[in-house]
């Protein structure tokens, strides 16, 4: 009885103790079958101790057993299956991460060193790593914050059942998705580098990297000159793929603009300018498209359109170059002397 975990840092094969812990192993196998673990974070990695995963919320406070899906909320947790012969005596022991006695659901951990005997008989050990110890080493070496959360996400990408001795309950078929679930951002946790992120230097050859470095240095010099007054602005001419949007409802959010305008083409950014002290919307912003043609299409279609019960006005950023340059200088938080566009563009009318 075995399961293959394909993670963002390598594969792990887990052999299950199905005879010693049938309820726990059945739970694990059937959760794998309904792709419950796909995209789950290793939300806690404690070096030379344990790596914990299995919570779709990524918080360490979530997760449900397969029995909840089959039999209802009252079956969210199931009882421990402690076997005194199974010990936390080596790297790669797999056990349930329960919050207390009889509080097993979906979360589990893998040991990252030998001799964690003080965990014995406290958590249900239901498997051990058979292959993929180099993957465990990569997980153990991850850079983490004070809460043991990796700075670069490590995820279970998908699971493959190599051997399942348990019959599927009749209700399980309805729970199995047609394809792997899409990755959705976790709510309530800090945003981190995604697992497929690589440094710029690894994406481009040396010539491209040098060109990018020179470009960044030139821009930095321009900004410094602007700050000391030697040139009027580091960004002299606003780009033609950016649309200025005003007369917004104060309740409209950045995400709303992005969703609304992406019908015209890929949106790189959508920022509503806000007061730097209160964070309140100043009722105008900028939408940057990947292509100039998308920006032009939005200009001709979106002027005077209702968004959140307010008729907006759109224009090219070149027409409001001073606002564009100030936005580039101060970002979405307006500067202390920034004009309140709620007055200038009749926000809220």
Protein backbone atom coordinates (compact mmCIF):
# COMPACT_ATOMS: atom_id res chain seq x y z
CA UNK A 1 0.00 0.00 0.00
CA UNK A 2 1.74 3.15 -1.19
CA UNK A 3 1.14 6.72 -2.35
CA UNK A 4 3.33 8.99 -4.46
CA UNK A 5 3.37 12.65 -3.40
CA UNK A 6 4.60 14.87 -6.22
CA UNK A 7 5.77 18.09 -4.57
CA UNK A 8 7.24 21.28 -5.96
CA UNK A 9 10.69 20.17 -4.77
CA UNK A 10 10.55 16.49 -5.74
CA UNK A 11 8.70 13.22 -5.29
CA UNK A 12 8.03 11.26 -2.10
CA UNK A 13 6.79 7.66 -1.97
CA UNK A 14 5.00 6.73 1.26
CA UNK A 15 4.41 3.13 2.33
CA UNK A 16 1.28 2.84 4.49
CA UNK A 17 0.72 0.73 7.61
CA UNK A 18 -2.74 -0.31 6.44
CA UNK A 19 -3.01 -3.32 8.75
CA UNK A 20 -2.02 -1.39 11.87
CA UNK A 21 -4.08 1.75 11.14
CA UNK A 22 -6.84 0.91 8.66
CA UNK A 23 -9.12 3.86 9.48
CA UNK A 24 -6.27 6.38 9.13
CA UNK A 25 -4.87 4.83 5.96
CA UNK A 26 -8.30 4.63 4.36
CA UNK A 27 -8.82 8.32 5.17
CA UNK A 28 -5.49 9.23 3.61
CA UNK A 29 -5.99 7.14 0.48
CA UNK A 30 -9.51 8.36 -0.22
CA UNK A 31 -8.52 12.02 0.33
CA UNK A 32 -5.76 11.43 -2.21
CA UNK A 33 -8.31 9.89 -4.58
CA UNK A 34 -10.57 12.98 -4.47
CA UNK A 35 -7.45 15.15 -5.02
CA UNK A 36 -7.94 16.84 -1.66
CA UNK A 37 -4.21 17.28 -1.11
CA UNK A 38 -3.51 18.83 -4.53
CA UNK A 39 -1.88 22.28 -4.08
CA UNK A 40 -1.69 21.95 -0.28
CA UNK A 41 1.18 23.92 1.25
CA UNK A 42 3.82 22.59 3.56
CA UNK A 43 2.66 25.34 5.89
CA UNK A 44 5.12 24.50 8.66
CA UNK A 45 8.70 23.31 8.21
CA UNK A 46 10.68 23.01 11.45
CA UNK A 47 14.26 22.24 10.57
CA UNK A 48 15.50 18.88 11.84
CA UNK A 49 12.09 18.21 13.36
CA UNK A 50 8.95 17.87 11.20
CA UNK A 51 7.35 19.17 8.00
CA UNK A 52 3.57 19.57 8.23
CA UNK A 53 1.02 19.69 5.40
CA UNK A 54 -2.48 18.53 4.43
CA UNK A 55 -4.46 21.71 5.22
CA UNK A 56 -6.06 23.25 2.11
CA UNK A 57 -6.43 26.60 3.91
CA UNK A 58 -2.68 26.82 4.49
CA UNK A 59 -3.25 28.14 8.02
CA UNK A 60 -2.64 24.98 10.02
CA UNK A 61 -6.15 25.28 11.46
CA UNK A 62 -8.16 23.66 8.67
CA UNK A 63 -8.74 20.32 7.06
CA UNK A 64 -11.44 17.64 7.04
CA UNK A 65 -11.40 13.86 7.02
CA UNK A 66 -12.91 11.86 4.18
CA UNK A 67 -15.54 10.71 6.63
CA UNK A 68 -16.98 14.22 6.86
CA UNK A 69 -17.51 14.26 3.10
CA UNK A 70 -19.13 10.83 3.24
CA UNK A 71 -21.20 11.03 6.43
CA UNK A 72 -21.54 14.69 7.45
CA UNK A 73 -20.04 17.32 9.75
CA UNK A 74 -20.22 15.11 12.83
CA UNK A 75 -17.62 12.85 11.21
CA UNK A 76 -15.04 15.58 10.53
CA UNK A 77 -12.59 13.96 12.98
CA UNK A 78 -11.81 10.33 13.70
CA UNK A 79 -10.18 8.48 16.57
CA UNK A 80 -6.47 7.78 17.08
CA UNK A 81 -4.96 4.44 16.08
CA UNK A 82 -1.89 4.35 18.30
CA UNK A 83 0.33 1.32 17.78
CA UNK A 84 3.09 0.95 20.35
CA UNK A 85 5.30 -0.88 17.88
CA UNK A 86 5.44 2.12 15.55
CA UNK A 87 7.98 4.73 16.64
CA UNK A 88 9.27 8.17 15.61
CA UNK A 89 12.73 6.65 15.38
CA UNK A 90 13.92 7.76 11.93
CA UNK A 91 13.67 10.32 9.17
CA UNK A 92 10.53 9.89 7.09
CA UNK A 93 8.00 8.72 9.65
CA UNK A 94 4.51 9.87 8.56
CA UNK A 95 1.90 10.62 11.23
CA UNK A 96 -1.36 12.49 11.75
CA UNK A 97 -1.03 16.08 12.96
CA UNK A 98 -3.93 16.11 15.38
CA UNK A 99 -4.90 19.00 17.65
CA UNK A 100 -5.72 16.59 20.46
CA UNK A 101 -6.96 13.11 21.27
CA UNK A 102 -9.35 11.90 18.59
CA UNK A 103 -8.90 15.07 16.52
CA UNK A 104 -7.54 13.51 13.32
CA UNK A 105 -8.70 15.00 10.00
CA UNK A 106 -6.45 15.61 6.98
CA UNK A 107 -3.23 17.20 8.27
CA UNK A 108 -0.14 15.07 8.63
CA UNK A 109 3.58 15.50 9.20
CA UNK A 110 6.82 13.83 8.12
CA UNK A 111 9.77 13.62 10.49
CA UNK A 112 13.02 15.27 9.38
CA UNK A 113 15.42 13.56 11.77
CA UNK A 114 15.89 10.40 13.79
CA UNK A 115 15.02 9.89 17.43
CA UNK A 116 11.85 11.92 18.01
CA UNK A 117 10.74 9.41 20.61
CA UNK A 118 8.90 12.00 22.72
CA UNK A 119 6.22 12.04 19.99
CA UNK A 120 5.60 8.32 20.38
CA UNK A 121 2.06 7.27 21.39
CA UNK A 122 0.80 10.84 20.99
CA UNK A 123 0.08 10.82 17.26
CA UNK A 124 -1.08 8.09 14.91
CA UNK A 125 1.84 6.86 12.79
CA UNK A 126 0.36 5.52 9.57
CA UNK A 127 3.28 5.34 7.15
CA UNK A 128 6.92 5.92 6.33
CA UNK A 129 8.85 7.35 3.41
CA UNK A 130 10.21 4.62 1.15
CA UNK A 131 11.69 6.87 -1.57
CA UNK A 132 12.42 10.57 -1.89
CA UNK A 133 14.74 11.29 1.00
CA UNK A 134 16.53 13.88 -1.13
CA UNK A 135 13.17 15.67 -1.36
CA UNK A 136 12.91 15.65 2.43
CA UNK A 137 16.38 17.18 2.56
CA UNK A 138 15.26 20.02 0.26
CA UNK A 139 12.21 20.64 2.42
CA UNK A 140 14.34 20.60 5.59
CA UNK A 141 16.70 23.19 4.10
CA UNK A 142 13.93 25.65 3.17
CA UNK A 143 14.25 29.23 4.42
CA UNK A 144 11.39 29.89 6.83
CA UNK A 145 10.05 32.75 8.97
CA UNK A 146 9.57 32.79 12.75
CA UNK A 147 6.35 30.82 12.34
CA UNK A 148 8.16 28.12 10.31
CA UNK A 149 6.39 29.10 7.09
CA UNK A 150 8.71 28.80 4.05
CA UNK A 151 9.43 32.09 2.27
CA UNK A 152 9.03 30.22 -1.00
CA UNK A 153 5.97 28.01 -1.11
CA UNK A 154 6.44 24.25 -1.09
CA UNK A 155 3.32 22.46 -2.30
CA UNK A 156 1.96 19.01 -2.92
CA UNK A 157 1.28 19.30 -6.65
CA UNK A 158 -0.66 16.06 -6.94
CA UNK A 159 -0.92 12.56 -5.47
CA UNK A 160 -0.88 9.14 -7.14
CA UNK A 161 -2.17 6.01 -5.42
CA UNK A 162 0.14 3.10 -6.17
CA UNK A 163 -1.84 0.50 -4.21
CA UNK A 164 -5.19 0.79 -2.38
CA UNK A 165 -6.51 -2.26 -0.47
CA UNK A 166 -9.74 -0.53 0.57
CA UNK A 167 -12.93 -0.62 -1.47
CA UNK A 168 -14.36 2.77 -2.43
CA UNK A 169 -17.58 3.70 -0.61
CA UNK A 170 -20.44 4.18 -3.10
CA UNK A 171 -20.64 7.90 -2.26
CA UNK A 172 -16.97 8.47 -3.15
CA UNK A 173 -17.50 8.48 -6.92
CA UNK A 174 -19.41 11.76 -6.72
CA UNK A 175 -16.52 13.38 -4.85
CA UNK A 176 -13.82 12.56 -7.42
CA UNK A 177 -13.23 15.59 -9.70
CA UNK A 178 -12.79 15.21 -13.44
CA UNK A 179 -9.45 17.00 -13.31
CA UNK A 180 -7.02 18.45 -10.83
CA UNK A 181 -8.36 21.50 -8.98
CA UNK A 182 -6.88 24.85 -9.97
CA UNK A 183 -4.54 26.63 -7.61
CA UNK A 184 -6.40 29.33 -5.70
CA UNK A 185 -4.68 31.89 -3.43
CA UNK A 186 -5.08 30.98 0.23
CA UNK A 187 -6.98 33.54 2.30
CA UNK A 188 -5.82 34.75 5.68
CA UNK A 189 -2.12 33.98 5.21
CA UNK A 190 0.81 36.07 4.00
CA UNK A 191 1.60 36.01 0.31
CA UNK A 192 4.89 34.24 -0.48
CA UNK A 193 6.98 33.49 -3.53
CA UNK A 194 5.13 30.83 -5.48
CA UNK A 195 6.74 27.45 -5.89
CA UNK A 196 7.52 28.01 -9.59
CA UNK A 197 9.31 31.32 -9.00
CA UNK A 198 12.97 31.49 -10.05
CA UNK A 199 15.36 34.43 -9.82
CA UNK A 200 15.67 36.62 -12.91
CA UNK A 201 19.31 35.65 -13.25
CA UNK A 202 18.32 32.03 -13.79
CA UNK A 203 15.79 32.86 -16.50
CA UNK A 204 18.04 34.86 -18.82
CA UNK A 205 21.52 34.54 -20.20
CA UNK A 206 24.39 36.71 -18.98
CA UNK A 207 23.95 39.31 -21.74
CA UNK A 208 20.27 39.83 -20.93
CA UNK A 209 20.99 40.06 -17.21
CA UNK A 210 23.68 42.69 -17.82
CA UNK A 211 21.29 44.66 -20.03
CA UNK A 212 18.60 44.59 -17.35
CA UNK A 213 21.09 45.66 -14.68
CA UNK A 214 22.24 48.62 -16.81
CA UNK A 215 18.62 49.61 -17.42
CA UNK A 216 17.82 49.52 -13.69
CA UNK A 217 20.95 51.52 -12.88
CA UNK A 218 20.04 54.15 -15.47
CA UNK A 219 16.56 54.46 -14.03
CA UNK A 220 17.96 54.73 -10.51
CA UNK A 221 20.27 57.57 -11.61
CA UNK A 222 17.31 59.33 -13.23
CA UNK A 223 15.27 59.08 -10.04
CA UNK A 224 18.15 60.47 -7.98
CA UNK A 225 18.53 63.39 -10.40
CA UNK A 226 14.80 64.03 -10.17
CA UNK A 227 14.97 64.07 -6.38
CA UNK A 228 17.73 66.70 -6.42
CA UNK A 229 15.95 68.71 -9.10
CA UNK A 230 18.31 68.23 -12.07
CA UNK A 231 15.58 66.81 -14.34
CA UNK A 232 11.82 67.40 -14.19
CA UNK A 233 10.85 63.73 -13.86
CA UNK A 234 12.45 60.30 -14.12
CA UNK A 235 9.56 59.06 -16.25
CA UNK A 236 9.24 61.89 -18.76
CA UNK A 237 6.51 60.41 -20.98
CA UNK A 238 3.71 58.20 -19.66
CA UNK A 239 3.28 54.96 -21.61
CA UNK A 240 0.46 54.51 -24.12
CA UNK A 241 -0.78 51.24 -22.62
CA UNK A 242 -2.05 52.85 -19.40
CA UNK A 243 -5.60 54.09 -18.96
CA UNK A 244 -6.60 56.75 -16.46
CA UNK A 245 -9.91 56.03 -14.65
CA UNK A 246 -11.77 58.52 -12.42
CA UNK A 247 -15.16 59.30 -10.83
CA UNK A 248 -14.93 55.91 -9.12
CA UNK A 249 -17.17 54.86 -6.27
CA UNK A 250 -15.11 54.98 -3.03
CA UNK A 251 -16.06 51.33 -2.43
CA UNK A 252 -14.57 50.10 -5.72
CA UNK A 253 -11.42 48.03 -5.16
CA UNK A 254 -8.30 47.35 -7.25
CA UNK A 255 -9.45 43.80 -7.91
CA UNK A 256 -12.79 45.08 -9.24
CA UNK A 257 -11.04 47.25 -11.84
CA UNK A 258 -8.81 44.39 -12.92
CA UNK A 259 -11.75 42.02 -13.43
CA UNK A 260 -13.80 44.63 -15.32
CA UNK A 261 -11.04 45.78 -17.67
CA UNK A 262 -9.44 42.41 -18.41
CA UNK A 263 -12.19 41.77 -21.00
CA UNK A 264 -10.18 44.04 -23.31
CA UNK A 265 -6.88 42.21 -22.86
CA UNK A 266 -4.35 41.13 -20.26
CA UNK A 267 -4.15 43.60 -17.36
CA UNK A 268 -0.70 43.98 -15.82
CA UNK A 269 -1.85 46.14 -12.91
CA UNK A 270 -4.90 48.02 -11.68
CA UNK A 271 -4.27 50.53 -8.89
CA UNK A 272 -6.69 52.88 -7.19
CA UNK A 273 -4.89 55.84 -5.65
CA UNK A 274 -5.45 56.18 -1.90
CA UNK A 275 -4.79 58.76 0.78
CA UNK A 276 -1.48 57.95 2.42
CA UNK A 277 -2.83 58.53 5.94
CA UNK A 278 -6.35 57.11 5.91
CA UNK A 279 -6.09 54.61 3.06
CA UNK A 280 -9.35 56.00 1.65
CA UNK A 281 -9.87 55.88 -2.09
CA UNK A 282 -9.24 59.16 -3.92
CA UNK A 283 -11.64 57.86 -6.57
CA UNK A 284 -9.20 57.61 -9.45
CA UNK A 285 -6.58 55.16 -10.62
CA UNK A 286 -4.62 53.64 -13.47
CA UNK A 287 -5.10 50.40 -15.40
CA UNK A 288 -2.02 49.12 -17.20
CA UNK A 289 -2.55 46.73 -20.10
CA UNK A 290 -0.02 44.43 -21.71
CA UNK A 291 -0.87 45.82 -25.16
CA UNK A 292 -1.60 49.35 -26.39
CA UNK A 293 -4.49 48.04 -28.49
CA UNK A 294 -6.24 46.77 -25.36
CA UNK A 295 -5.89 50.17 -23.75
CA UNK A 296 -7.42 51.87 -26.80
CA UNK A 297 -10.33 49.41 -26.91
CA UNK A 298 -11.09 50.08 -23.25
CA UNK A 299 -10.93 53.82 -23.84
CA UNK A 300 -13.61 53.70 -26.55
CA UNK A 301 -15.88 51.28 -24.66
CA UNK A 302 -15.65 52.24 -20.98
CA UNK A 303 -16.19 56.01 -20.82
CA UNK A 304 -19.40 56.86 -18.91
CA UNK A 305 -19.99 53.20 -18.01
CA UNK A 306 -21.60 52.36 -14.66
CA UNK A 307 -19.31 50.72 -12.09
CA UNK A 308 -20.72 50.26 -8.60
CA UNK A 309 -23.57 52.69 -9.44
CA UNK A 310 -21.19 55.45 -10.57
CA UNK A 311 -20.55 56.56 -14.15
CA UNK A 312 -16.80 56.56 -14.60
CA UNK A 313 -14.61 58.65 -16.89
CA UNK A 314 -11.59 57.21 -18.71
CA UNK A 315 -8.72 58.89 -20.52
CA UNK A 316 -5.23 58.10 -21.70
CA UNK A 317 -2.57 58.65 -19.06
CA UNK A 318 -0.77 61.08 -21.38
CA UNK A 319 -3.68 63.48 -20.88
CA UNK A 320 -3.10 63.50 -17.14
CA UNK A 321 0.67 63.20 -17.19
CA UNK A 322 1.19 65.07 -13.93
CA UNK A 323 -1.04 62.61 -12.07
CA UNK A 324 0.66 59.69 -13.82
CA UNK A 325 4.11 60.94 -12.86
CA UNK A 326 3.05 61.51 -9.27
CA UNK A 327 1.57 58.00 -9.21
CA UNK A 328 4.92 56.64 -10.45
CA UNK A 329 6.71 58.66 -7.81
CA UNK A 330 4.52 57.94 -4.81
CA UNK A 331 2.68 54.75 -5.80
CA UNK A 332 -0.91 53.97 -4.93
CA UNK A 333 -0.57 55.86 -1.62
CA UNK A 334 -0.92 59.53 -2.57
CA UNK A 335 1.70 62.02 -1.33
CA UNK A 336 1.01 64.40 1.53
CA UNK A 337 0.24 67.33 -0.74
CA UNK A 338 -1.56 65.23 -3.34
CA UNK A 339 -4.72 66.68 -4.83
CA UNK A 340 -7.86 64.97 -3.63
CA UNK A 341 -9.42 63.75 -6.84
CA UNK A 342 -12.65 63.13 -4.98
CA UNK A 343 -13.14 66.88 -5.38
CA UNK A 344 -11.56 67.35 -8.79
CA UNK A 345 -13.47 64.51 -10.48
CA UNK A 346 -16.65 64.59 -8.39
CA UNK A 347 -16.14 61.25 -6.70
CA UNK A 348 -19.35 59.83 -5.39
CA UNK A 349 -21.70 61.82 -7.63
